Amino acid sequence: MKKSYTGTDGTVGFIYAWDSENKNAGKGAQEIKVVDENKRVDVEIRFEKPMEGTNQASVITTPIDSTKTKVEWGFYGTSPYPFNLMNLCMDALVGKDLQQNLENLKALLEK
């Protein structure tokens, strides 16, 4: 997979782009749109291959106590009929990956 980075990571405007021959990865870019420090990060994800599309994603953090933080990861978008029928199986398609990413984040933060 070819990866490129533009801008300063963690700031609005930072872009991570990828291009892969692997059909599961395809080609696209993710741009940071909003950073509300210690509260949320919003990104726009632009897919080019295998299908074109643009979606929004957010990571929202809420303190629970001095040692715990709730992390919510949301993924949003629209698609016209008949492609919107795929939304019914989105959790099955990407839910595992989102859960694994949250578990990876937890493991990193607990080191």
PDB file of N, CA and C in Angstrom:
ATOM      1  N   MET A   1       0.850  -1.178   0.000  1.00  0.00           N
ATOM      2  CA  MET A   1       0.000   0.000   0.000  1.00  0.00           C
ATOM      3  C   MET A   1       0.892   1.237   0.000  1.00  0.00           C
ATOM      4  N   LYS A   2       0.609   2.154  -0.903  1.00  0.00           N
ATOM      5  CA  LYS A   2       1.305   3.439  -0.915  1.00  0.00           C
ATOM      6  C   LYS A   2       0.540   4.388  -0.015  1.00  0.00           C
ATOM      7  N   LYS A   3       1.254   5.062   0.871  1.00  0.00           N
ATOM      8  CA  LYS A   3       0.634   6.013   1.787  1.00  0.00           C
ATOM      9  C   LYS A   3       1.307   7.365   1.630  1.00  0.00           C
ATOM     10  N   SER A   4       0.530   8.435   1.800  1.00  0.00           N
ATOM     11  CA  SER A   4       1.117   9.774   1.800  1.00  0.00           C
ATOM     12  C   SER A   4       0.442  10.609   2.884  1.00  0.00           C
ATOM     13  N   TYR A   5       1.185  11.591   3.356  1.00  0.00           N
ATOM     14  CA  TYR A   5       0.711  12.452   4.441  1.00  0.00           C
ATOM     15  C   TYR A   5       0.971  13.896   4.035  1.00  0.00           C
ATOM     16  N   THR A   6      -0.046  14.751   4.198  1.00  0.00           N
ATOM     17  CA  THR A   6       0.078  16.156   3.856  1.00  0.00           C
ATOM     18  C   THR A   6      -0.366  16.989   5.040  1.00  0.00           C
ATOM     19  N   GLY A   7       0.461  17.940   5.444  1.00  0.00           N
ATOM     20  CA  GLY A   7       0.110  18.808   6.555  1.00  0.00           C
ATOM     21  C   GLY A   7       0.660  18.298   7.876  1.00  0.00           C
ATOM     22  N   THR A   8       0.145  18.854   8.948  1.00  0.00           N
ATOM     23  CA  THR A   8       0.598  18.516  10.300  1.00  0.00           C
ATOM     24  C   THR A   8      -0.427  17.600  10.959  1.00  0.00           C
ATOM     25  N   ASP A   9       0.017  16.386  11.299  1.00  0.00           N
ATOM     26  CA  ASP A   9      -0.889  15.413  11.911  1.00  0.00           C
ATOM     27  C   ASP A   9      -1.520  16.002  13.169  1.00  0.00           C
ATOM     28  N   GLY A  10      -2.803  15.731  13.346  1.00  0.00           N
ATOM     29  CA  GLY A  10      -3.525  16.202  14.524  1.00  0.00           C
ATOM     30  C   GLY A  10      -4.095  17.596  14.373  1.00  0.00           C
ATOM     31  N   THR A  11      -3.945  18.190  13.178  1.00  0.00           N
ATOM     32  CA  THR A  11      -4.479  19.531  12.958  1.00  0.00           C
ATOM     33  C   THR A  11      -5.450  19.525  11.782  1.00  0.00           C
ATOM     34  N   VAL A  12      -6.339  20.512  11.777  1.00  0.00           N
ATOM     35  CA  VAL A  12      -7.300  20.647  10.681  1.00  0.00           C
ATOM     36  C   VAL A  12      -6.535  20.780   9.362  1.00  0.00           C
ATOM     37  N   GLY A  13      -6.990  20.016   8.370  1.00  0.00           N
ATOM     38  CA  GLY A  13      -6.362  20.051   7.055  1.00  0.00           C
ATOM     39  C   GLY A  13      -5.382  18.926   6.799  1.00  0.00           C
ATOM     40  N   PHE A  14      -4.975  18.201   7.847  1.00  0.00           N
ATOM     41  CA  PHE A  14      -4.062  17.082   7.651  1.00  0.00           C
ATOM     42  C   PHE A  14      -4.749  16.013   6.812  1.00  0.00           C
ATOM     43  N   ILE A  15      -4.028  15.480   5.808  1.00  0.00           N
ATOM     44  CA  ILE A  15      -4.588  14.459   4.924  1.00  0.00           C
ATOM     45  C   ILE A  15      -3.700  13.225   4.927  1.00  0.00           C
ATOM     46  N   TYR A  16      -4.324  12.089   5.169  1.00  0.00           N
ATOM     47  CA  TYR A  16      -3.693  10.783   5.017  1.00  0.00           C
ATOM     48  C   TYR A  16      -4.328  10.154   3.790  1.00  0.00           C
ATOM     49  N   ALA A  17      -3.513   9.782   2.800  1.00  0.00           N
ATOM     50  CA  ALA A  17      -4.041   9.162   1.581  1.00  0.00           C
ATOM     51  C   ALA A  17      -3.413   7.791   1.399  1.00  0.00           C
ATOM     52  N   TRP A  18      -4.146   6.896   0.731  1.00  0.00           N
ATOM     53  CA  TRP A  18      -3.647   5.553   0.479  1.00  0.00           C
ATOM     54  C   TRP A  18      -4.035   5.117  -0.924  1.00  0.00           C
ATOM     55  N   ASP A  19      -3.251   4.199  -1.451  1.00  0.00           N
ATOM     56  CA  ASP A  19      -3.534   3.610  -2.760  1.00  0.00           C
ATOM     57  C   ASP A  19      -3.028   2.178  -2.719  1.00  0.00           C
ATOM     58  N   SER A  20      -3.909   1.235  -2.977  1.00  0.00           N
ATOM     59  CA  SER A  20      -3.557  -0.174  -2.869  1.00  0.00           C
ATOM     60  C   SER A  20      -4.210  -0.976  -3.985  1.00  0.00           C
ATOM     61  N   GLU A  21      -3.516  -2.000  -4.425  1.00  0.00           N
ATOM     62  CA  GLU A  21      -4.102  -2.938  -5.379  1.00  0.00           C
ATOM     63  C   GLU A  21      -5.047  -3.904  -4.672  1.00  0.00           C
ATOM     64  N   ASN A  22      -4.970  -3.971  -3.342  1.00  0.00           N
ATOM     65  CA  ASN A  22      -5.860  -4.821  -2.556  1.00  0.00           C
ATOM     66  C   ASN A  22      -7.273  -4.262  -2.634  1.00  0.00           C
ATOM     67  N   LYS A  23      -8.214  -5.046  -3.127  1.00  0.00           N
ATOM     68  CA  LYS A  23      -9.584  -4.562  -3.312  1.00  0.00           C
ATOM     69  C   LYS A  23     -10.251  -4.154  -2.005  1.00  0.00           C
ATOM     70  N   ASN A  24      -9.790  -4.686  -0.875  1.00  0.00           N
ATOM     71  CA  ASN A  24     -10.379  -4.320   0.414  1.00  0.00           C
ATOM     72  C   ASN A  24      -9.912  -2.954   0.893  1.00  0.00           C
ATOM     73  N   ALA A  25      -8.767  -2.500   0.390  1.00  0.00           N
ATOM     74  CA  ALA A  25      -8.230  -1.200   0.794  1.00  0.00           C
ATOM     75  C   ALA A  25      -8.537  -0.131  -0.241  1.00  0.00           C
ATOM     76  N   GLY A  26      -8.339  -0.445  -1.516  1.00  0.00           N
ATOM     77  CA  GLY A  26      -8.634   0.498  -2.585  1.00  0.00           C
ATOM     78  C   GLY A  26      -7.786   1.745  -2.542  1.00  0.00           C
ATOM     79  N   LYS A  27      -8.412   2.868  -2.884  1.00  0.00           N
ATOM     80  CA  LYS A  27      -7.722   4.158  -2.938  1.00  0.00           C
ATOM     81  C   LYS A  27      -8.622   5.211  -2.327  1.00  0.00           C
ATOM     82  N   GLY A  28      -8.020   6.130  -1.566  1.00  0.00           N
ATOM     83  CA  GLY A  28      -8.801   7.199  -0.974  1.00  0.00           C
ATOM     84  C   GLY A  28      -7.958   8.108  -0.109  1.00  0.00           C
ATOM     85  N   ALA A  29      -8.639   8.962   0.630  1.00  0.00           N
ATOM     86  CA  ALA A  29      -7.962   9.912   1.517  1.00  0.00           C
ATOM     87  C   ALA A  29      -8.872  10.239   2.689  1.00  0.00           C
ATOM     88  N   GLN A  30      -8.235  10.627   3.782  1.00  0.00           N
ATOM     89  CA  GLN A  30      -8.964  11.025   4.989  1.00  0.00           C
ATOM     90  C   GLN A  30      -8.406  12.377   5.418  1.00  0.00           C
ATOM     91  N   GLU A  31      -9.287  13.359   5.590  1.00  0.00           N
ATOM     92  CA  GLU A  31      -8.858  14.706   5.960  1.00  0.00           C
ATOM     93  C   GLU A  31      -9.482  15.128   7.283  1.00  0.00           C
ATOM     94  N   ILE A  32      -8.657  15.655   8.181  1.00  0.00           N
ATOM     95  CA  ILE A  32      -9.173  16.179   9.455  1.00  0.00           C
ATOM     96  C   ILE A  32      -9.908  17.482   9.180  1.00  0.00           C
ATOM     97  N   LYS A  33     -11.165  17.543   9.598  1.00  0.00           N
ATOM     98  CA  LYS A  33     -11.999  18.726   9.387  1.00  0.00           C
ATOM     99  C   LYS A  33     -12.207  19.550  10.652  1.00  0.00           C
ATOM    100  N   VAL A  34     -12.291  18.873  11.813  1.00  0.00           N
ATOM    101  CA  VAL A  34     -12.536  19.559  13.088  1.00  0.00           C
ATOM    102  C   VAL A  34     -11.694  18.902  14.167  1.00  0.00           C
ATOM    103  N   VAL A  35     -11.034  19.724  14.976  1.00  0.00           N
ATOM    104  CA  VAL A  35     -10.356  19.240  16.176  1.00  0.00           C
ATOM    105  C   VAL A  35     -10.852  20.095  17.331  1.00  0.00           C
ATOM    106  N   ASP A  36     -11.552  19.470  18.254  1.00  0.00           N
ATOM    107  CA  ASP A  36     -11.994  20.126  19.484  1.00  0.00           C
ATOM    108  C   ASP A  36     -11.234  19.406  20.591  1.00  0.00           C
ATOM    109  N   GLU A  37     -10.088  19.962  20.949  1.00  0.00           N
ATOM    110  CA  GLU A  37      -9.127  19.281  21.814  1.00  0.00           C
ATOM    111  C   GLU A  37      -9.768  18.630  23.031  1.00  0.00           C
ATOM    112  N   ASN A  38      -9.398  17.382  23.240  1.00  0.00           N
ATOM    113  CA  ASN A  38      -9.877  16.549  24.346  1.00  0.00           C
ATOM    114  C   ASN A  38     -11.378  16.266  24.284  1.00  0.00           C
ATOM    115  N   LYS A  39     -12.006  16.552  23.143  1.00  0.00           N
ATOM    116  CA  LYS A  39     -13.439  16.287  23.017  1.00  0.00           C
ATOM    117  C   LYS A  39     -13.782  15.482  21.770  1.00  0.00           C
ATOM    118  N   ARG A  40     -13.281  15.929  20.590  1.00  0.00           N
ATOM    119  CA  ARG A  40     -13.660  15.234  19.358  1.00  0.00           C
ATOM    120  C   ARG A  40     -12.729  15.586  18.206  1.00  0.00           C
ATOM    121  N   VAL A  41     -12.688  14.659  17.251  1.00  0.00           N
ATOM    122  CA  VAL A  41     -12.006  14.875  15.977  1.00  0.00           C
ATOM    123  C   VAL A  41     -12.968  14.393  14.893  1.00  0.00           C
ATOM    124  N   ASP A  42     -13.230  15.254  13.913  1.00  0.00           N
ATOM    125  CA  ASP A  42     -14.090  14.901  12.791  1.00  0.00           C
ATOM    126  C   ASP A  42     -13.240  14.816  11.534  1.00  0.00           C
ATOM    127  N   VAL A  43     -13.467  13.784  10.743  1.00  0.00           N
ATOM    128  CA  VAL A  43     -12.733  13.621   9.494  1.00  0.00           C
ATOM    129  C   VAL A  43     -13.697  13.376   8.349  1.00  0.00           C
ATOM    130  N   GLU A  44     -13.240  13.730   7.156  1.00  0.00           N
ATOM    131  CA  GLU A  44     -13.960  13.397   5.932  1.00  0.00           C
ATOM    132  C   GLU A  44     -13.149  12.309   5.240  1.00  0.00           C
ATOM    133  N   ILE A  45     -13.818  11.232   4.873  1.00  0.00           N
ATOM    134  CA  ILE A  45     -13.152  10.120   4.200  1.00  0.00           C
ATOM    135  C   ILE A  45     -13.654  10.087   2.765  1.00  0.00           C
ATOM    136  N   ARG A  46     -12.705  10.183   1.835  1.00  0.00           N
ATOM    137  CA  ARG A  46     -13.055  10.176   0.416  1.00  0.00           C
ATOM    138  C   ARG A  46     -12.528   8.887  -0.211  1.00  0.00           C
ATOM    139  N   PHE A  47     -13.441   8.073  -0.701  1.00  0.00           N
ATOM    140  CA  PHE A  47     -13.081   6.821  -1.355  1.00  0.00           C
ATOM    141  C   PHE A  47     -13.068   7.039  -2.865  1.00  0.00           C
ATOM    142  N   GLU A  48     -12.049   6.508  -3.536  1.00  0.00           N
ATOM    143  CA  GLU A  48     -11.966   6.598  -4.991  1.00  0.00           C
ATOM    144  C   GLU A  48     -12.133   5.228  -5.646  1.00  0.00           C
ATOM    145  N   LYS A  49     -11.494   4.208  -5.067  1.00  0.00           N
ATOM    146  CA  LYS A  49     -11.587   2.844  -5.588  1.00  0.00           C
ATOM    147  C   LYS A  49     -11.798   1.901  -4.419  1.00  0.00           C
ATOM    148  N   PRO A  50     -12.514   0.869  -4.500  1.00  0.00           N
ATOM    149  CA  PRO A  50     -13.153   0.336  -5.694  1.00  0.00           C
ATOM    150  C   PRO A  50     -14.441   1.084  -6.065  1.00  0.00           C
ATOM    151  N   MET A  51     -15.008   1.864  -5.133  1.00  0.00           N
ATOM    152  CA  MET A  51     -16.193   2.673  -5.435  1.00  0.00           C
ATOM    153  C   MET A  51     -15.964   4.074  -4.903  1.00  0.00           C
ATOM    154  N   GLU A  52     -16.537   5.058  -5.593  1.00  0.00           N
ATOM    155  CA  GLU A  52     -16.420   6.434  -5.138  1.00  0.00           C
ATOM    156  C   GLU A  52     -17.453   6.725  -4.070  1.00  0.00           C
ATOM    157  N   GLY A  53     -17.058   7.557  -3.132  1.00  0.00           N
ATOM    158  CA  GLY A  53     -17.988   7.964  -2.091  1.00  0.00           C
ATOM    159  C   GLY A  53     -17.291   8.851  -1.080  1.00  0.00           C
ATOM    160  N   THR A  54     -18.071   9.627  -0.370  1.00  0.00           N
ATOM    161  CA  THR A  54     -17.542  10.501   0.678  1.00  0.00           C
ATOM    162  C   THR A  54     -18.365  10.270   1.929  1.00  0.00           C
ATOM    163  N   ASN A  55     -17.673  10.090   3.046  1.00  0.00           N
ATOM    164  CA  ASN A  55     -18.336   9.878   4.327  1.00  0.00           C
ATOM    165  C   ASN A  55     -17.674  10.728   5.390  1.00  0.00           C
ATOM    166  N   GLN A  56     -18.353  10.872   6.487  1.00  0.00           N
ATOM    167  CA  GLN A  56     -17.835  11.603   7.639  1.00  0.00           C
ATOM    168  C   GLN A  56     -17.640  10.607   8.776  1.00  0.00           C
ATOM    169  N   ALA A  57     -16.634  10.852   9.584  1.00  0.00           N
ATOM    170  CA  ALA A  57     -16.401  10.028  10.766  1.00  0.00           C
ATOM    171  C   ALA A  57     -16.014  10.942  11.920  1.00  0.00           C
ATOM    172  N   SER A  58     -16.370  10.520  13.125  1.00  0.00           N
ATOM    173  CA  SER A  58     -16.043  11.285  14.325  1.00  0.00           C
ATOM    174  C   SER A  58     -15.545  10.354  15.408  1.00  0.00           C
ATOM    175  N   VAL A  59     -14.567  10.834  16.146  1.00  0.00           N
ATOM    176  CA  VAL A  59     -14.137  10.180  17.371  1.00  0.00           C
ATOM    177  C   VAL A  59     -14.438  11.182  18.478  1.00  0.00           C
ATOM    178  N   ILE A  60     -15.305  10.769  19.400  1.00  0.00           N
ATOM    179  CA  ILE A  60     -15.748  11.650  20.483  1.00  0.00           C
ATOM    180  C   ILE A  60     -15.318  11.039  21.806  1.00  0.00           C
ATOM    181  N   THR A  61     -14.675  11.846  22.647  1.00  0.00           N
ATOM    182  CA  THR A  61     -14.235  11.363  23.954  1.00  0.00           C
ATOM    183  C   THR A  61     -14.991  12.099  25.056  1.00  0.00           C
ATOM    184  N   THR A  62     -15.386  11.325  26.073  1.00  0.00           N
ATOM    185  CA  THR A  62     -16.088  11.871  27.221  1.00  0.00           C
ATOM    186  C   THR A  62     -15.437  11.317  28.487  1.00  0.00           C
ATOM    187  N   PRO A  63     -14.907  12.194  29.360  1.00  0.00           N
ATOM    188  CA  PRO A  63     -14.314  11.693  30.592  1.00  0.00           C
ATOM    189  C   PRO A  63     -15.357  11.009  31.471  1.00  0.00           C
ATOM    190  N   ILE A  64     -14.968   9.868  32.042  1.00  0.00           N
ATOM    191  CA  ILE A  64     -15.835   9.166  32.986  1.00  0.00           C
ATOM    192  C   ILE A  64     -15.367   9.472  34.404  1.00  0.00           C
ATOM    193  N   ASP A  65     -14.077   9.353  34.629  1.00  0.00           N
ATOM    194  CA  ASP A  65     -13.451   9.758  35.887  1.00  0.00           C
ATOM    195  C   ASP A  65     -11.989  10.060  35.582  1.00  0.00           C
ATOM    196  N   SER A  66     -11.151  10.177  36.612  1.00  0.00           N
ATOM    197  CA  SER A  66      -9.760  10.589  36.389  1.00  0.00           C
ATOM    198  C   SER A  66      -8.919   9.541  35.667  1.00  0.00           C
ATOM    199  N   THR A  67      -9.401   8.305  35.557  1.00  0.00           N
ATOM    200  CA  THR A  67      -8.618   7.257  34.894  1.00  0.00           C
ATOM    201  C   THR A  67      -9.336   6.612  33.709  1.00  0.00           C
ATOM    202  N   LYS A  68     -10.559   7.048  33.434  1.00  0.00           N
ATOM    203  CA  LYS A  68     -11.330   6.421  32.358  1.00  0.00           C
ATOM    204  C   LYS A  68     -11.955   7.466  31.444  1.00  0.00           C
ATOM    205  N   THR A  69     -11.976   7.121  30.159  1.00  0.00           N
ATOM    206  CA  THR A  69     -12.604   7.970  29.149  1.00  0.00           C
ATOM    207  C   THR A  69     -13.439   7.102  28.227  1.00  0.00           C
ATOM    208  N   LYS A  70     -14.647   7.534  27.961  1.00  0.00           N
ATOM    209  CA  LYS A  70     -15.501   6.839  26.994  1.00  0.00           C
ATOM    210  C   LYS A  70     -15.123   7.355  25.603  1.00  0.00           C
ATOM    211  N   VAL A  71     -14.911   6.422  24.649  1.00  0.00           N
ATOM    212  CA  VAL A  71     -14.570   6.778  23.277  1.00  0.00           C
ATOM    213  C   VAL A  71     -15.661   6.245  22.356  1.00  0.00           C
ATOM    214  N   GLU A  72     -16.239   7.133  21.565  1.00  0.00           N
ATOM    215  CA  GLU A  72     -17.257   6.746  20.596  1.00  0.00           C
ATOM    216  C   GLU A  72     -16.726   7.046  19.200  1.00  0.00           C
ATOM    217  N   TRP A  73     -16.898   6.086  18.292  1.00  0.00           N
ATOM    218  CA  TRP A  73     -16.442   6.252  16.924  1.00  0.00           C
ATOM    219  C   TRP A  73     -17.646   6.130  16.024  1.00  0.00           C
ATOM    220  N   GLY A  74     -17.994   7.200  15.340  1.00  0.00           N
ATOM    221  CA  GLY A  74     -19.148   7.189  14.455  1.00  0.00           C
ATOM    222  C   GLY A  74     -18.734   7.354  13.005  1.00  0.00           C
ATOM    223  N   PHE A  75     -19.503   6.766  12.116  1.00  0.00           N
ATOM    224  CA  PHE A  75     -19.232   6.796  10.689  1.00  0.00           C
ATOM    225  C   PHE A  75     -20.543   7.157  10.012  1.00  0.00           C
ATOM    226  N   TYR A  76     -20.551   8.232   9.213  1.00  0.00           N
ATOM    227  CA  TYR A  76     -21.797   8.757   8.665  1.00  0.00           C
ATOM    228  C   TYR A  76     -21.681   8.974   7.158  1.00  0.00           C
ATOM    229  N   GLY A  77     -22.763   8.809   6.467  1.00  0.00           N
ATOM    230  CA  GLY A  77     -22.766   9.084   5.041  1.00  0.00           C
ATOM    231  C   GLY A  77     -24.114   8.773   4.434  1.00  0.00           C
ATOM    232  N   THR A  78     -24.260   9.120   3.186  1.00  0.00           N
ATOM    233  CA  THR A  78     -25.484   8.823   2.454  1.00  0.00           C
ATOM    234  C   THR A  78     -25.115   8.133   1.151  1.00  0.00           C
ATOM    235  N   SER A  79     -26.057   7.394   0.630  1.00  0.00           N
ATOM    236  CA  SER A  79     -25.848   6.739  -0.657  1.00  0.00           C
ATOM    237  C   SER A  79     -27.199   6.581  -1.343  1.00  0.00           C
ATOM    238  N   PRO A  80     -27.219   6.777  -2.658  1.00  0.00           N
ATOM    239  CA  PRO A  80     -28.478   6.679  -3.390  1.00  0.00           C
ATOM    240  C   PRO A  80     -28.900   5.227  -3.584  1.00  0.00           C
ATOM    241  N   TYR A  81     -30.181   5.042  -3.853  1.00  0.00           N
ATOM    242  CA  TYR A  81     -30.714   3.728  -4.168  1.00  0.00           C
ATOM    243  C   TYR A  81     -30.089   3.261  -5.476  1.00  0.00           C
ATOM    244  N   PRO A  82     -29.681   2.063  -5.666  1.00  0.00           N
ATOM    245  CA  PRO A  82     -29.837   0.891  -4.810  1.00  0.00           C
ATOM    246  C   PRO A  82     -28.662   0.675  -3.870  1.00  0.00           C
ATOM    247  N   PHE A  83     -27.641   1.580  -3.941  1.00  0.00           N
ATOM    248  CA  PHE A  83     -26.447   1.401  -3.108  1.00  0.00           C
ATOM    249  C   PHE A  83     -26.756   1.525  -1.621  1.00  0.00           C
ATOM    250  N   ASN A  84     -27.838   2.252  -1.273  1.00  0.00           N
ATOM    251  CA  ASN A  84     -28.186   2.406   0.139  1.00  0.00           C
ATOM    252  C   ASN A  84     -28.594   1.079   0.778  1.00  0.00           C
ATOM    253  N   LEU A  85     -28.920   0.079  -0.031  1.00  0.00           N
ATOM    254  CA  LEU A  85     -29.248  -1.232   0.529  1.00  0.00           C
ATOM    255  C   LEU A  85     -28.033  -1.859   1.208  1.00  0.00           C
ATOM    256  N   MET A  86     -26.835  -1.449   0.791  1.00  0.00           N
ATOM    257  CA  MET A  86     -25.613  -1.941   1.440  1.00  0.00           C
ATOM    258  C   MET A  86     -25.518  -1.470   2.886  1.00  0.00           C
ATOM    259  N   ASN A  87     -26.197  -0.357   3.212  1.00  0.00           N
ATOM    260  CA  ASN A  87     -26.163   0.155   4.585  1.00  0.00           C
ATOM    261  C   ASN A  87     -26.665  -0.877   5.587  1.00  0.00           C
ATOM    262  N   LEU A  88     -27.548  -1.761   5.127  1.00  0.00           N
ATOM    263  CA  LEU A  88     -28.089  -2.793   6.002  1.00  0.00           C
ATOM    264  C   LEU A  88     -27.016  -3.760   6.481  1.00  0.00           C
ATOM    265  N   CYS A  89     -25.953  -3.903   5.720  1.00  0.00           N
ATOM    266  CA  CYS A  89     -24.899  -4.846   6.110  1.00  0.00           C
ATOM    267  C   CYS A  89     -23.592  -4.139   6.463  1.00  0.00           C
ATOM    268  N   MET A  90     -23.632  -2.807   6.648  1.00  0.00           N
ATOM    269  CA  MET A  90     -22.414  -2.057   6.962  1.00  0.00           C
ATOM    270  C   MET A  90     -21.764  -2.509   8.259  1.00  0.00           C
ATOM    271  N   ASP A  91     -22.574  -2.774   9.273  1.00  0.00           N
ATOM    272  CA  ASP A  91     -21.994  -3.213  10.536  1.00  0.00           C
ATOM    273  C   ASP A  91     -21.202  -4.502  10.331  1.00  0.00           C
ATOM    274  N   ALA A  92     -21.742  -5.404   9.547  1.00  0.00           N
ATOM    275  CA  ALA A  92     -21.041  -6.658   9.268  1.00  0.00           C
ATOM    276  C   ALA A  92     -19.776  -6.407   8.453  1.00  0.00           C
ATOM    277  N   LEU A  93     -19.795  -5.383   7.580  1.00  0.00           N
ATOM    278  CA  LEU A  93     -18.645  -5.109   6.724  1.00  0.00           C
ATOM    279  C   LEU A  93     -17.515  -4.392   7.456  1.00  0.00           C
ATOM    280  N   VAL A  94     -17.843  -3.393   8.269  1.00  0.00           N
ATOM    281  CA  VAL A  94     -16.789  -2.595   8.904  1.00  0.00           C
ATOM    282  C   VAL A  94     -16.824  -2.618  10.425  1.00  0.00           C
ATOM    283  N   GLY A  95     -17.870  -3.174  11.008  1.00  0.00           N
ATOM    284  CA  GLY A  95     -17.987  -3.195  12.467  1.00  0.00           C
ATOM    285  C   GLY A  95     -16.815  -3.845  13.160  1.00  0.00           C
ATOM    286  N   LYS A  96     -16.344  -4.971  12.625  1.00  0.00           N
ATOM    287  CA  LYS A  96     -15.181  -5.676  13.196  1.00  0.00           C
ATOM    288  C   LYS A  96     -13.952  -4.785  13.205  1.00  0.00           C
ATOM    289  N   ASP A  97     -13.737  -4.082  12.091  1.00  0.00           N
ATOM    290  CA  ASP A  97     -12.558  -3.219  11.977  1.00  0.00           C
ATOM    291  C   ASP A  97     -12.631  -2.056  12.955  1.00  0.00           C
ATOM    292  N   LEU A  98     -13.808  -1.451  13.077  1.00  0.00           N
ATOM    293  CA  LEU A  98     -13.959  -0.346  14.022  1.00  0.00           C
ATOM    294  C   LEU A  98     -13.720  -0.825  15.453  1.00  0.00           C
ATOM    295  N   GLN A  99     -14.266  -1.989  15.795  1.00  0.00           N
ATOM    296  CA  GLN A  99     -14.075  -2.544  17.133  1.00  0.00           C
ATOM    297  C   GLN A  99     -12.597  -2.847  17.384  1.00  0.00           C
ATOM    298  N   GLN A 100     -11.914  -3.424  16.389  1.00  0.00           N
ATOM    299  CA  GLN A 100     -10.493  -3.738  16.544  1.00  0.00           C
ATOM    300  C   GLN A 100      -9.674  -2.470  16.734  1.00  0.00           C
ATOM    301  N   ASN A 101     -10.024  -1.414  16.009  1.00  0.00           N
ATOM    302  CA  ASN A 101      -9.316  -0.146  16.166  1.00  0.00           C
ATOM    303  C   ASN A 101      -9.510   0.429  17.558  1.00  0.00           C
ATOM    304  N   LEU A 102     -10.714   0.317  18.099  1.00  0.00           N
ATOM    305  CA  LEU A 102     -10.953   0.796  19.465  1.00  0.00           C
ATOM    306  C   LEU A 102     -10.165  -0.039  20.478  1.00  0.00           C
ATOM    307  N   GLU A 103     -10.091  -1.339  20.264  1.00  0.00           N
ATOM    308  CA  GLU A 103      -9.306  -2.195  21.151  1.00  0.00           C
ATOM    309  C   GLU A 103      -7.820  -1.885  21.052  1.00  0.00           C
ATOM    310  N   ASN A 104      -7.326  -1.588  19.848  1.00  0.00           N
ATOM    311  CA  ASN A 104      -5.929  -1.196  19.679  1.00  0.00           C
ATOM    312  C   ASN A 104      -5.638   0.114  20.412  1.00  0.00           C
ATOM    313  N   LEU A 105      -6.562   1.067  20.308  1.00  0.00           N
ATOM    314  CA  LEU A 105      -6.413   2.343  21.011  1.00  0.00           C
ATOM    315  C   LEU A 105      -6.360   2.119  22.516  1.00  0.00           C
ATOM    316  N   LYS A 106      -7.247   1.302  23.020  1.00  0.00           N
ATOM    317  CA  LYS A 106      -7.278   0.985  24.458  1.00  0.00           C
ATOM    318  C   LYS A 106      -5.950   0.393  24.912  1.00  0.00           C
ATOM    319  N   ALA A 107      -5.431  -0.571  24.152  1.00  0.00           N
ATOM    320  CA  ALA A 107      -4.165  -1.213  24.512  1.00  0.00           C
ATOM    321  C   ALA A 107      -3.025  -0.209  24.518  1.00  0.00           C
ATOM    322  N   LEU A 108      -2.980   0.687  23.542  1.00  0.00           N
ATOM    323  CA  LEU A 108      -1.923   1.704  23.494  1.00  0.00           C
ATOM    324  C   LEU A 108      -1.999   2.643  24.690  1.00  0.00           C
ATOM    325  N   LEU A 109      -3.206   3.064  25.026  1.00  0.00           N
ATOM    326  CA  LEU A 109      -3.370   4.035  26.114  1.00  0.00           C
ATOM    327  C   LEU A 109      -3.128   3.419  27.486  1.00  0.00           C
ATOM    328  N   GLU A 110      -3.294   2.102  27.599  1.00  0.00           N
ATOM    329  CA  GLU A 110      -3.099   1.461  28.896  1.00  0.00           C
ATOM    330  C   GLU A 110      -1.656   1.018  29.137  1.00  0.00           C
ATOM    331  N   LYS A 111      -0.777   1.236  28.169  1.00  0.00           N
ATOM    332  CA  LYS A 111       0.644   0.884  28.360  1.00  0.00           C
ATOM    333  C   LYS A 111       1.301   1.765  29.384  1.00  0.00           C
TER     334      LYS A 111
END
